Amino acid sequence: MDRIYAHGQGVHQHMVREAYKLLKSFVGQDIREIKDHVGYNETGIGVFNPGNLLVIGAHREDEEDPVYQNSFPFGWTVTNTHFWDPDRGDGSHFNLLQIVYENAFQKAIKYYYGGYILFIPASNPYAIERKLHVTTSLGDHLIIYPDEPQYGGFYLSYYSLVDLYNNFRLKTQLIGKNMMWNVTKQRWEYWNGDVYISRELRDALV
């Protein structure tokens, strides 16, 4: 039975829990900021909803592909970026049915350094009434509206996971139809630059 479920999401979550135990034994003590975000077997109900736990990310990695947006048809291509033959080099690709996919190493680099469009659904619990409240690098309070009122979301990016975690910083992407209301200046605008988010949203993303 273990072999049958070796690639299952429950095994991925188990690996997260065991990885933290290994890290703890190496450091010699609990790391509070990580321990509080490990979790046990929580799965979440959507993209970054609620987020905050490593086991949710481990589970949802088989549900969504936030980096390359692989899903068609019927979601079966989501996991096609989970493979890598290191003997073929970092730049090798995974081929399936004559379709080329990035390998797991390339995806990990994207996760760490950014360089892709981060789509945050408007349905996530950190969007107040389906709007994203952020602060610009000028200190202005900015409200970002979803590109589509009912099912849309927000297009952003980040410089690296370290920068996102330490500085709470994202960058707006002027694509789609994200309207932005500058509360401080009381005007509509398209802010193209850095914005700063809440601790709760940062934890959900990282």
N, C-alpha and C. Protein backbone atom coordinates (compact mmCIF):
# COMPACT_ATOMS: atom_id res chain seq x y z
N MET A 1 0.83 -1.20 0.00
CA MET A 1 0.00 0.00 0.00
C MET A 1 0.86 1.26 0.00
N ASP A 2 2.01 1.21 0.71
CA ASP A 2 2.88 2.37 0.75
C ASP A 2 3.35 2.74 -0.66
N ARG A 3 3.61 1.72 -1.48
CA ARG A 3 4.07 1.99 -2.84
C ARG A 3 2.96 2.60 -3.69
N ILE A 4 1.74 2.14 -3.45
CA ILE A 4 0.61 2.66 -4.22
C ILE A 4 0.43 4.15 -3.98
N TYR A 5 0.60 4.58 -2.73
CA TYR A 5 0.36 5.98 -2.38
C TYR A 5 1.65 6.77 -2.21
N ALA A 6 2.76 6.26 -2.75
CA ALA A 6 4.06 6.91 -2.55
C ALA A 6 4.09 8.32 -3.10
N HIS A 7 3.30 8.60 -4.14
CA HIS A 7 3.29 9.93 -4.74
C HIS A 7 2.05 10.73 -4.33
N GLY A 8 1.34 10.24 -3.32
CA GLY A 8 0.11 10.91 -2.90
C GLY A 8 0.38 12.16 -2.09
N GLN A 9 -0.64 12.99 -1.98
CA GLN A 9 -0.50 14.25 -1.27
C GLN A 9 -0.25 14.06 0.22
N GLY A 10 -0.81 12.98 0.79
CA GLY A 10 -0.55 12.70 2.19
C GLY A 10 0.91 12.42 2.46
N VAL A 11 1.58 11.76 1.50
CA VAL A 11 3.01 11.50 1.64
C VAL A 11 3.79 12.81 1.57
N HIS A 12 3.38 13.71 0.69
CA HIS A 12 4.04 15.01 0.58
C HIS A 12 3.94 15.76 1.92
N GLN A 13 2.79 15.69 2.54
CA GLN A 13 2.62 16.36 3.83
C GLN A 13 3.48 15.70 4.91
N HIS A 14 3.56 14.38 4.86
CA HIS A 14 4.42 13.65 5.81
C HIS A 14 5.87 14.08 5.64
N MET A 15 6.31 14.27 4.42
CA MET A 15 7.69 14.70 4.16
C MET A 15 7.95 16.08 4.74
N VAL A 16 6.96 16.96 4.68
CA VAL A 16 7.11 18.29 5.27
C VAL A 16 7.31 18.18 6.78
N ARG A 17 6.47 17.38 7.42
CA ARG A 17 6.58 17.24 8.88
C ARG A 17 7.91 16.62 9.28
N GLU A 18 8.36 15.61 8.52
CA GLU A 18 9.63 14.97 8.83
C GLU A 18 10.81 15.90 8.54
N ALA A 19 10.67 16.73 7.51
CA ALA A 19 11.74 17.68 7.18
C ALA A 19 11.93 18.68 8.32
N TYR A 20 10.81 19.11 8.92
CA TYR A 20 10.96 20.03 10.05
C TYR A 20 11.64 19.35 11.23
N LYS A 21 11.31 18.09 11.48
CA LYS A 21 11.98 17.36 12.57
C LYS A 21 13.48 17.28 12.32
N LEU A 22 13.87 17.05 11.07
CA LEU A 22 15.29 16.97 10.73
C LEU A 22 15.96 18.33 10.93
N LEU A 23 15.28 19.39 10.50
CA LEU A 23 15.83 20.74 10.69
C LEU A 23 15.97 21.06 12.16
N LYS A 24 14.97 20.71 12.94
CA LYS A 24 15.01 20.95 14.39
C LYS A 24 16.18 20.23 15.03
N SER A 25 16.43 18.98 14.63
CA SER A 25 17.54 18.22 15.22
C SER A 25 18.88 18.83 14.81
N PHE A 26 18.94 19.40 13.62
CA PHE A 26 20.18 20.03 13.15
C PHE A 26 20.46 21.32 13.91
N VAL A 27 19.41 22.13 14.11
CA VAL A 27 19.56 23.41 14.80
C VAL A 27 19.69 23.21 16.30
N GLY A 28 19.02 22.18 16.82
CA GLY A 28 19.08 21.90 18.25
C GLY A 28 17.92 22.45 19.04
N GLN A 29 16.97 23.07 18.36
CA GLN A 29 15.79 23.63 19.04
C GLN A 29 14.72 23.95 18.01
N ASP A 30 13.51 24.21 18.52
CA ASP A 30 12.43 24.61 17.63
C ASP A 30 12.73 25.97 17.01
N ILE A 31 12.27 26.15 15.79
CA ILE A 31 12.33 27.44 15.12
C ILE A 31 10.90 27.94 15.06
N ARG A 32 10.56 28.86 15.93
CA ARG A 32 9.17 29.25 16.14
C ARG A 32 8.48 29.68 14.86
N GLU A 33 9.14 30.51 14.05
CA GLU A 33 8.49 31.04 12.85
C GLU A 33 8.17 29.94 11.84
N ILE A 34 8.94 28.85 11.88
CA ILE A 34 8.65 27.73 10.99
C ILE A 34 7.67 26.76 11.65
N LYS A 35 7.91 26.45 12.92
CA LYS A 35 7.06 25.49 13.63
C LYS A 35 5.60 25.89 13.57
N ASP A 36 5.32 27.18 13.74
CA ASP A 36 3.94 27.65 13.75
C ASP A 36 3.27 27.54 12.38
N HIS A 37 4.06 27.28 11.35
CA HIS A 37 3.50 27.23 9.99
C HIS A 37 3.72 25.88 9.31
N VAL A 38 4.00 24.84 10.09
CA VAL A 38 4.16 23.51 9.51
C VAL A 38 2.80 22.86 9.29
N GLY A 39 1.99 22.75 10.34
CA GLY A 39 0.69 22.11 10.23
C GLY A 39 0.80 20.60 10.31
N TYR A 40 -0.34 19.94 10.10
CA TYR A 40 -0.34 18.47 10.16
C TYR A 40 -0.87 17.86 8.85
N ASN A 41 -2.18 17.94 8.63
CA ASN A 41 -2.72 17.39 7.38
C ASN A 41 -3.79 18.31 6.77
N GLU A 42 -3.72 19.60 7.07
CA GLU A 42 -4.66 20.56 6.50
C GLU A 42 -4.46 20.64 4.98
N THR A 43 -5.53 20.93 4.26
CA THR A 43 -5.46 20.92 2.79
C THR A 43 -5.84 22.25 2.15
N GLY A 44 -6.54 23.12 2.85
CA GLY A 44 -7.00 24.36 2.24
C GLY A 44 -8.18 24.11 1.31
N ILE A 45 -8.80 25.20 0.84
CA ILE A 45 -9.96 25.06 -0.03
C ILE A 45 -9.77 25.78 -1.36
N GLY A 46 -8.60 26.39 -1.57
CA GLY A 46 -8.34 27.11 -2.82
C GLY A 46 -6.96 27.72 -2.80
N VAL A 47 -6.64 28.45 -3.86
CA VAL A 47 -5.33 29.08 -3.97
C VAL A 47 -5.14 30.11 -2.86
N PHE A 48 -4.12 29.94 -2.03
CA PHE A 48 -3.83 30.83 -0.91
C PHE A 48 -5.04 30.99 0.02
N ASN A 49 -5.82 29.96 0.13
CA ASN A 49 -7.02 30.01 0.96
C ASN A 49 -7.10 28.74 1.81
N PRO A 50 -6.68 28.80 3.09
CA PRO A 50 -6.16 30.01 3.73
C PRO A 50 -4.66 30.20 3.61
N GLY A 51 -3.93 29.21 3.12
CA GLY A 51 -2.47 29.35 3.12
C GLY A 51 -1.94 29.22 4.54
N ASN A 52 -0.81 29.83 4.81
CA ASN A 52 -0.19 29.91 6.15
C ASN A 52 0.49 28.63 6.62
N LEU A 53 0.20 27.48 6.04
CA LEU A 53 0.79 26.23 6.51
C LEU A 53 1.55 25.54 5.37
N LEU A 54 2.73 25.02 5.70
CA LEU A 54 3.54 24.34 4.70
C LEU A 54 2.84 23.09 4.15
N VAL A 55 2.10 22.40 5.02
CA VAL A 55 1.43 21.18 4.55
C VAL A 55 0.33 21.50 3.55
N ILE A 56 -0.27 22.69 3.65
CA ILE A 56 -1.27 23.09 2.65
C ILE A 56 -0.60 23.27 1.30
N GLY A 57 0.56 23.92 1.30
CA GLY A 57 1.29 24.08 0.05
C GLY A 57 1.70 22.75 -0.55
N ALA A 58 2.13 21.82 0.31
CA ALA A 58 2.53 20.50 -0.17
C ALA A 58 1.35 19.75 -0.78
N HIS A 59 0.17 19.95 -0.20
CA HIS A 59 -1.03 19.30 -0.74
C HIS A 59 -1.48 19.96 -2.04
N ARG A 60 -1.53 21.29 -2.06
CA ARG A 60 -2.10 21.99 -3.20
C ARG A 60 -1.15 22.05 -4.39
N GLU A 61 0.11 21.69 -4.19
CA GLU A 61 1.04 21.63 -5.31
C GLU A 61 0.56 20.63 -6.37
N ASP A 62 -0.25 19.66 -5.95
CA ASP A 62 -0.83 18.71 -6.90
C ASP A 62 -2.20 19.17 -7.40
N GLU A 63 -2.65 20.32 -6.93
CA GLU A 63 -3.95 20.85 -7.34
C GLU A 63 -3.81 22.04 -8.29
N GLU A 64 -2.80 22.87 -8.05
CA GLU A 64 -2.61 24.08 -8.85
C GLU A 64 -1.14 24.23 -9.24
N ASP A 65 -0.91 24.92 -10.34
CA ASP A 65 0.44 25.26 -10.77
C ASP A 65 0.54 26.78 -10.88
N PRO A 66 0.86 27.47 -9.77
CA PRO A 66 0.88 28.93 -9.79
C PRO A 66 2.00 29.53 -10.64
N VAL A 67 3.03 28.75 -10.94
CA VAL A 67 4.17 29.28 -11.71
C VAL A 67 3.91 29.22 -13.21
N TYR A 68 3.60 28.04 -13.73
CA TYR A 68 3.45 27.85 -15.17
C TYR A 68 1.99 27.71 -15.62
N GLN A 69 1.07 27.65 -14.66
CA GLN A 69 -0.36 27.57 -14.95
C GLN A 69 -0.73 26.34 -15.78
N ASN A 70 -0.02 25.23 -15.58
CA ASN A 70 -0.39 23.99 -16.26
C ASN A 70 -1.63 23.40 -15.61
N SER A 71 -2.62 23.08 -16.41
CA SER A 71 -3.83 22.46 -15.85
C SER A 71 -4.63 21.70 -16.90
N PHE A 72 -4.55 22.11 -18.14
CA PHE A 72 -5.42 21.55 -19.18
C PHE A 72 -4.88 20.22 -19.67
N PRO A 73 -5.73 19.23 -19.99
CA PRO A 73 -7.17 19.24 -19.71
C PRO A 73 -7.48 18.59 -18.37
N PHE A 74 -8.50 19.02 -17.74
CA PHE A 74 -9.02 18.43 -16.51
C PHE A 74 -7.99 18.40 -15.38
N GLY A 75 -7.00 19.27 -15.43
CA GLY A 75 -6.03 19.37 -14.35
C GLY A 75 -4.94 18.33 -14.35
N TRP A 76 -4.89 17.44 -15.34
CA TRP A 76 -3.93 16.33 -15.26
C TRP A 76 -2.50 16.75 -15.57
N THR A 77 -2.29 17.96 -16.11
CA THR A 77 -0.91 18.40 -16.39
C THR A 77 -0.30 19.21 -15.25
N VAL A 78 -1.03 19.40 -14.16
CA VAL A 78 -0.53 20.21 -13.04
C VAL A 78 0.80 19.69 -12.52
N THR A 79 0.94 18.38 -12.42
CA THR A 79 2.14 17.80 -11.80
C THR A 79 3.26 17.53 -12.80
N ASN A 80 3.12 17.96 -14.04
CA ASN A 80 4.14 17.64 -15.04
C ASN A 80 5.44 18.40 -14.84
N THR A 81 5.45 19.37 -13.95
CA THR A 81 6.69 20.08 -13.63
C THR A 81 7.30 19.56 -12.33
N HIS A 82 6.91 18.39 -11.90
CA HIS A 82 7.42 17.81 -10.65
C HIS A 82 8.56 16.83 -10.89
N PHE A 83 9.05 16.75 -12.13
CA PHE A 83 10.06 15.74 -12.46
C PHE A 83 11.36 16.39 -12.92
N TRP A 84 12.47 15.70 -12.67
CA TRP A 84 13.78 16.21 -13.07
C TRP A 84 14.79 15.08 -13.07
N ASP A 85 15.49 14.94 -14.16
CA ASP A 85 16.60 13.99 -14.25
C ASP A 85 17.89 14.80 -14.15
N PRO A 86 18.49 14.91 -12.96
CA PRO A 86 19.67 15.76 -12.79
C PRO A 86 20.85 15.33 -13.65
N ASP A 87 20.89 14.07 -14.05
CA ASP A 87 21.99 13.62 -14.91
C ASP A 87 21.95 14.27 -16.29
N ARG A 88 20.79 14.80 -16.65
CA ARG A 88 20.66 15.49 -17.95
C ARG A 88 20.92 16.98 -17.83
N GLY A 89 21.19 17.46 -16.63
CA GLY A 89 21.53 18.86 -16.45
C GLY A 89 20.37 19.70 -15.95
N ASP A 90 20.72 20.89 -15.43
CA ASP A 90 19.70 21.78 -14.87
C ASP A 90 18.71 22.26 -15.92
N GLY A 91 19.16 22.40 -17.15
CA GLY A 91 18.31 22.95 -18.19
C GLY A 91 17.51 21.93 -18.97
N SER A 92 17.56 20.68 -18.54
CA SER A 92 16.79 19.64 -19.24
C SER A 92 15.30 19.84 -19.00
N HIS A 93 14.49 19.22 -19.83
CA HIS A 93 13.04 19.35 -19.72
C HIS A 93 12.39 17.97 -19.62
N PHE A 94 11.15 18.00 -19.16
CA PHE A 94 10.35 16.78 -19.06
C PHE A 94 9.43 16.74 -20.28
N ASN A 95 9.45 15.65 -21.00
CA ASN A 95 8.64 15.52 -22.20
C ASN A 95 7.56 14.47 -22.01
N LEU A 96 6.34 14.84 -22.35
CA LEU A 96 5.22 13.92 -22.26
C LEU A 96 4.31 14.14 -23.46
N LEU A 97 4.12 13.09 -24.23
CA LEU A 97 3.25 13.15 -25.41
C LEU A 97 3.67 14.29 -26.34
N GLN A 98 4.98 14.44 -26.51
CA GLN A 98 5.58 15.44 -27.39
C GLN A 98 5.35 16.87 -26.91
N ILE A 99 4.98 17.03 -25.66
CA ILE A 99 4.85 18.36 -25.07
C ILE A 99 5.98 18.53 -24.06
N VAL A 100 6.65 19.67 -24.09
CA VAL A 100 7.81 19.92 -23.25
C VAL A 100 7.40 20.73 -22.03
N TYR A 101 7.84 20.27 -20.86
CA TYR A 101 7.54 20.95 -19.60
C TYR A 101 8.84 21.28 -18.87
N GLU A 102 8.85 22.38 -18.12
CA GLU A 102 9.99 22.72 -17.29
C GLU A 102 10.16 21.66 -16.21
N ASN A 103 11.40 21.46 -15.76
CA ASN A 103 11.63 20.44 -14.74
C ASN A 103 11.45 21.01 -13.34
N ALA A 104 11.51 20.13 -12.35
CA ALA A 104 11.25 20.53 -10.96
C ALA A 104 12.30 21.51 -10.44
N PHE A 105 13.55 21.36 -10.89
CA PHE A 105 14.60 22.29 -10.46
C PHE A 105 14.31 23.70 -10.99
N GLN A 106 13.94 23.80 -12.25
CA GLN A 106 13.62 25.10 -12.83
C GLN A 106 12.43 25.75 -12.13
N LYS A 107 11.46 24.93 -11.75
CA LYS A 107 10.30 25.47 -11.05
C LYS A 107 10.69 25.95 -9.66
N ALA A 108 11.56 25.21 -8.98
CA ALA A 108 12.02 25.62 -7.65
C ALA A 108 12.74 26.96 -7.71
N ILE A 109 13.54 27.18 -8.75
CA ILE A 109 14.23 28.45 -8.92
C ILE A 109 13.22 29.58 -9.12
N LYS A 110 12.19 29.32 -9.91
CA LYS A 110 11.13 30.32 -10.11
C LYS A 110 10.44 30.65 -8.79
N TYR A 111 10.13 29.61 -8.01
CA TYR A 111 9.50 29.84 -6.71
C TYR A 111 10.38 30.74 -5.85
N TYR A 112 11.67 30.46 -5.83
CA TYR A 112 12.57 31.18 -4.92
C TYR A 112 12.83 32.62 -5.39
N TYR A 113 13.11 32.79 -6.67
CA TYR A 113 13.51 34.11 -7.16
C TYR A 113 12.37 34.89 -7.82
N GLY A 114 11.20 34.32 -7.93
CA GLY A 114 10.13 35.02 -8.61
C GLY A 114 10.32 34.93 -10.11
N GLY A 115 10.00 36.02 -10.81
CA GLY A 115 10.16 35.99 -12.26
C GLY A 115 8.97 35.39 -12.97
N TYR A 116 7.83 35.36 -12.32
CA TYR A 116 6.60 34.89 -12.95
C TYR A 116 5.45 35.72 -12.40
N ILE A 117 4.32 35.66 -13.07
CA ILE A 117 3.15 36.42 -12.62
C ILE A 117 2.47 35.66 -11.48
N LEU A 118 2.38 36.31 -10.34
CA LEU A 118 1.71 35.73 -9.17
C LEU A 118 0.25 36.16 -9.20
N PHE A 119 -0.64 35.22 -9.45
CA PHE A 119 -2.06 35.53 -9.51
C PHE A 119 -2.71 35.18 -8.18
N ILE A 120 -3.31 36.18 -7.55
CA ILE A 120 -3.99 35.99 -6.27
C ILE A 120 -5.49 36.13 -6.51
N PRO A 121 -6.26 35.06 -6.35
CA PRO A 121 -7.71 35.14 -6.58
C PRO A 121 -8.38 36.13 -5.64
N ALA A 122 -9.38 36.81 -6.15
CA ALA A 122 -10.11 37.77 -5.32
C ALA A 122 -10.91 37.08 -4.24
N SER A 123 -11.11 35.78 -4.36
CA SER A 123 -11.87 35.03 -3.37
C SER A 123 -11.05 34.68 -2.14
N ASN A 124 -9.75 35.00 -2.13
CA ASN A 124 -8.93 34.64 -0.97
C ASN A 124 -9.35 35.46 0.24
N PRO A 125 -9.20 34.93 1.45
CA PRO A 125 -9.72 35.59 2.65
C PRO A 125 -8.98 36.87 3.03
N TYR A 126 -7.89 37.20 2.35
CA TYR A 126 -7.13 38.40 2.70
C TYR A 126 -7.52 39.59 1.83
N ALA A 127 -8.42 39.36 0.89
CA ALA A 127 -8.97 40.45 0.09
C ALA A 127 -10.27 40.90 0.75
N ILE A 128 -10.31 42.14 1.17
CA ILE A 128 -11.48 42.68 1.86
C ILE A 128 -12.54 43.03 0.83
N GLU A 129 -13.68 42.36 0.92
CA GLU A 129 -14.76 42.54 -0.05
C GLU A 129 -14.23 42.41 -1.47
N ARG A 130 -13.37 41.41 -1.68
CA ARG A 130 -12.79 41.10 -2.99
C ARG A 130 -11.89 42.20 -3.51
N LYS A 131 -11.33 43.00 -2.63
CA LYS A 131 -10.39 44.04 -3.02
C LYS A 131 -9.12 43.88 -2.20
N LEU A 132 -7.98 44.17 -2.82
CA LEU A 132 -6.69 44.00 -2.15
C LEU A 132 -6.19 45.36 -1.67
N HIS A 133 -5.99 45.48 -0.36
CA HIS A 133 -5.50 46.73 0.23
C HIS A 133 -4.00 46.63 0.43
N VAL A 134 -3.26 47.56 -0.16
CA VAL A 134 -1.80 47.56 -0.06
C VAL A 134 -1.31 48.98 0.20
N THR A 135 -0.02 49.11 0.46
CA THR A 135 0.61 50.42 0.63
C THR A 135 1.70 50.56 -0.43
N THR A 136 1.71 51.68 -1.14
CA THR A 136 2.73 51.88 -2.17
C THR A 136 4.05 52.28 -1.53
N SER A 137 5.11 52.30 -2.33
CA SER A 137 6.42 52.70 -1.82
C SER A 137 6.46 54.18 -1.46
N LEU A 138 5.44 54.94 -1.86
CA LEU A 138 5.33 56.35 -1.47
C LEU A 138 4.52 56.51 -0.19
N GLY A 139 4.01 55.40 0.33
CA GLY A 139 3.23 55.45 1.56
C GLY A 139 1.74 55.63 1.35
N ASP A 140 1.29 55.62 0.09
CA ASP A 140 -0.13 55.79 -0.20
C ASP A 140 -0.90 54.49 0.02
N HIS A 141 -2.13 54.63 0.50
CA HIS A 141 -3.03 53.49 0.65
C HIS A 141 -3.69 53.23 -0.70
N LEU A 142 -3.46 52.05 -1.26
CA LEU A 142 -3.96 51.72 -2.59
C LEU A 142 -4.90 50.52 -2.50
N ILE A 143 -6.05 50.62 -3.15
CA ILE A 143 -6.99 49.51 -3.24
C ILE A 143 -6.95 48.98 -4.67
N ILE A 144 -6.62 47.69 -4.81
CA ILE A 144 -6.57 47.06 -6.13
C ILE A 144 -7.84 46.25 -6.33
N TYR A 145 -8.54 46.53 -7.40
CA TYR A 145 -9.77 45.82 -7.72
C TYR A 145 -9.46 44.61 -8.61
N PRO A 146 -10.22 43.52 -8.47
CA PRO A 146 -9.96 42.34 -9.30
C PRO A 146 -10.21 42.63 -10.77
N ASP A 147 -9.52 41.89 -11.64
CA ASP A 147 -9.67 42.12 -13.08
C ASP A 147 -11.06 41.75 -13.57
N GLU A 148 -11.72 40.85 -12.86
CA GLU A 148 -13.09 40.48 -13.20
C GLU A 148 -13.84 40.34 -11.88
N PRO A 149 -14.91 41.10 -11.68
CA PRO A 149 -15.55 41.20 -10.35
C PRO A 149 -15.91 39.88 -9.69
N GLN A 150 -16.41 38.91 -10.44
CA GLN A 150 -16.92 37.69 -9.82
C GLN A 150 -15.86 36.61 -9.63
N TYR A 151 -15.01 36.40 -10.63
CA TYR A 151 -14.10 35.25 -10.59
C TYR A 151 -12.64 35.63 -10.78
N GLY A 152 -12.33 36.90 -10.84
CA GLY A 152 -10.99 37.34 -11.16
C GLY A 152 -10.06 37.41 -9.97
N GLY A 153 -9.03 38.22 -10.12
CA GLY A 153 -8.05 38.34 -9.06
C GLY A 153 -7.05 39.43 -9.36
N PHE A 154 -5.87 39.30 -8.77
CA PHE A 154 -4.86 40.35 -8.82
C PHE A 154 -3.56 39.80 -9.38
N TYR A 155 -2.90 40.59 -10.23
CA TYR A 155 -1.66 40.17 -10.87
C TYR A 155 -0.49 40.93 -10.24
N LEU A 156 0.41 40.17 -9.62
CA LEU A 156 1.56 40.78 -8.97
C LEU A 156 2.79 39.90 -9.22
N SER A 157 3.92 40.30 -8.67
CA SER A 157 5.12 39.47 -8.73
C SER A 157 5.95 39.79 -7.49
N TYR A 158 7.05 39.05 -7.29
CA TYR A 158 7.93 39.33 -6.17
C TYR A 158 9.38 39.15 -6.61
N TYR A 159 10.29 39.77 -5.84
CA TYR A 159 11.71 39.75 -6.21
C TYR A 159 12.39 38.45 -5.78
N SER A 160 12.05 37.96 -4.63
CA SER A 160 12.52 36.68 -4.13
C SER A 160 11.68 36.35 -2.90
N LEU A 161 11.67 35.09 -2.51
CA LEU A 161 10.92 34.72 -1.30
C LEU A 161 11.52 35.38 -0.07
N VAL A 162 12.84 35.52 -0.04
CA VAL A 162 13.49 36.17 1.11
C VAL A 162 13.04 37.62 1.20
N ASP A 163 13.03 38.33 0.06
CA ASP A 163 12.59 39.72 0.05
C ASP A 163 11.12 39.83 0.44
N LEU A 164 10.29 38.94 -0.09
CA LEU A 164 8.87 38.96 0.24
C LEU A 164 8.66 38.73 1.73
N TYR A 165 9.39 37.77 2.29
CA TYR A 165 9.21 37.46 3.71
C TYR A 165 9.71 38.59 4.59
N ASN A 166 10.89 39.12 4.29
CA ASN A 166 11.50 40.14 5.15
C ASN A 166 10.88 41.51 4.99
N ASN A 167 10.48 41.85 3.75
CA ASN A 167 10.04 43.22 3.47
C ASN A 167 8.56 43.35 3.15
N PHE A 168 7.83 42.23 3.09
CA PHE A 168 6.38 42.26 2.80
C PHE A 168 6.11 42.91 1.44
N ARG A 169 7.03 42.76 0.50
CA ARG A 169 6.97 43.53 -0.75
C ARG A 169 6.56 42.68 -1.95
N LEU A 170 5.65 43.22 -2.74
CA LEU A 170 5.27 42.68 -4.04
C LEU A 170 5.42 43.80 -5.07
N LYS A 171 5.23 43.46 -6.32
CA LYS A 171 5.28 44.45 -7.39
C LYS A 171 4.03 44.29 -8.25
N THR A 172 3.37 45.40 -8.54
CA THR A 172 2.17 45.34 -9.37
C THR A 172 2.55 45.00 -10.81
N GLN A 173 1.62 44.36 -11.50
CA GLN A 173 1.79 44.04 -12.91
C GLN A 173 0.61 44.63 -13.67
N LEU A 174 0.90 45.52 -14.61
CA LEU A 174 -0.16 46.21 -15.32
C LEU A 174 -0.67 45.37 -16.48
N ILE A 175 -1.28 44.26 -16.12
CA ILE A 175 -1.92 43.40 -17.11
C ILE A 175 -3.34 43.14 -16.64
N GLY A 176 -4.15 42.63 -17.54
CA GLY A 176 -5.54 42.42 -17.15
C GLY A 176 -6.24 43.76 -16.99
N LYS A 177 -7.20 43.81 -16.11
CA LYS A 177 -8.00 45.01 -15.91
C LYS A 177 -8.07 45.36 -14.43
N ASN A 178 -6.93 45.34 -13.75
CA ASN A 178 -6.90 45.68 -12.33
C ASN A 178 -6.99 47.20 -12.15
N MET A 179 -8.17 47.69 -11.81
CA MET A 179 -8.32 49.11 -11.49
C MET A 179 -7.76 49.37 -10.10
N MET A 180 -7.19 50.55 -9.89
CA MET A 180 -6.56 50.86 -8.61
C MET A 180 -7.05 52.23 -8.13
N TRP A 181 -7.51 52.26 -6.88
CA TRP A 181 -7.99 53.49 -6.28
C TRP A 181 -7.00 53.92 -5.21
N ASN A 182 -6.41 55.12 -5.40
CA ASN A 182 -5.48 55.67 -4.42
C ASN A 182 -6.29 56.40 -3.36
N VAL A 183 -6.42 55.77 -2.20
CA VAL A 183 -7.23 56.34 -1.12
C VAL A 183 -6.59 57.63 -0.61
N THR A 184 -5.28 57.65 -0.52
CA THR A 184 -4.57 58.82 0.00
C THR A 184 -4.76 60.04 -0.89
N LYS A 185 -4.63 59.85 -2.19
CA LYS A 185 -4.75 60.97 -3.14
C LYS A 185 -6.15 61.10 -3.73
N GLN A 186 -7.04 60.15 -3.39
CA GLN A 186 -8.42 60.18 -3.86
C GLN A 186 -8.51 60.27 -5.38
N ARG A 187 -7.89 59.28 -6.04
CA ARG A 187 -7.93 59.26 -7.50
C ARG A 187 -7.68 57.84 -8.01
N TRP A 188 -8.19 57.59 -9.23
CA TRP A 188 -7.89 56.33 -9.91
C TRP A 188 -6.52 56.43 -10.54
N GLU A 189 -5.77 55.36 -10.51
CA GLU A 189 -4.46 55.37 -11.14
C GLU A 189 -4.02 53.93 -11.43
N TYR A 190 -3.00 53.80 -12.25
CA TYR A 190 -2.36 52.51 -12.49
C TYR A 190 -0.96 52.58 -11.89
N TRP A 191 -0.84 52.07 -10.69
CA TRP A 191 0.45 52.12 -10.00
C TRP A 191 1.34 50.98 -10.51
N ASN A 192 2.46 51.35 -11.08
CA ASN A 192 3.41 50.36 -11.59
C ASN A 192 4.65 50.40 -10.72
N GLY A 193 4.67 49.58 -9.69
CA GLY A 193 5.81 49.61 -8.78
C GLY A 193 5.59 48.73 -7.56
N ASP A 194 6.40 48.96 -6.55
CA ASP A 194 6.36 48.15 -5.35
C ASP A 194 5.16 48.49 -4.48
N VAL A 195 4.59 47.46 -3.86
CA VAL A 195 3.53 47.64 -2.87
C VAL A 195 3.85 46.74 -1.68
N TYR A 196 3.30 47.10 -0.54
CA TYR A 196 3.58 46.36 0.69
C TYR A 196 2.28 45.81 1.25
N ILE A 197 2.34 44.56 1.69
CA ILE A 197 1.13 43.83 2.06
C ILE A 197 1.13 43.52 3.55
N SER A 198 0.02 42.97 4.02
CA SER A 198 -0.12 42.63 5.43
C SER A 198 0.68 41.38 5.78
N ARG A 199 0.95 41.22 7.05
CA ARG A 199 1.65 40.02 7.52
C ARG A 199 0.84 38.76 7.20
N GLU A 200 -0.48 38.84 7.34
CA GLU A 200 -1.33 37.68 7.10
C GLU A 200 -1.23 37.22 5.64
N LEU A 201 -1.27 38.16 4.71
CA LEU A 201 -1.17 37.79 3.30
C LEU A 201 0.23 37.29 2.98
N ARG A 202 1.25 37.92 3.56
CA ARG A 202 2.62 37.45 3.34
C ARG A 202 2.77 35.99 3.76
N ASP A 203 2.26 35.67 4.95
CA ASP A 203 2.37 34.30 5.45
C ASP A 203 1.62 33.32 4.56
N ALA A 204 0.49 33.76 4.01
CA ALA A 204 -0.28 32.88 3.13
C ALA A 204 0.48 32.61 1.84
N LEU A 205 1.20 33.61 1.33
CA LEU A 205 1.92 33.46 0.08
C LEU A 205 3.21 32.67 0.24
N VAL A 206 3.96 32.98 1.28
CA VAL A 206 5.26 32.33 1.47
C VAL A 206 5.09 30.91 1.97
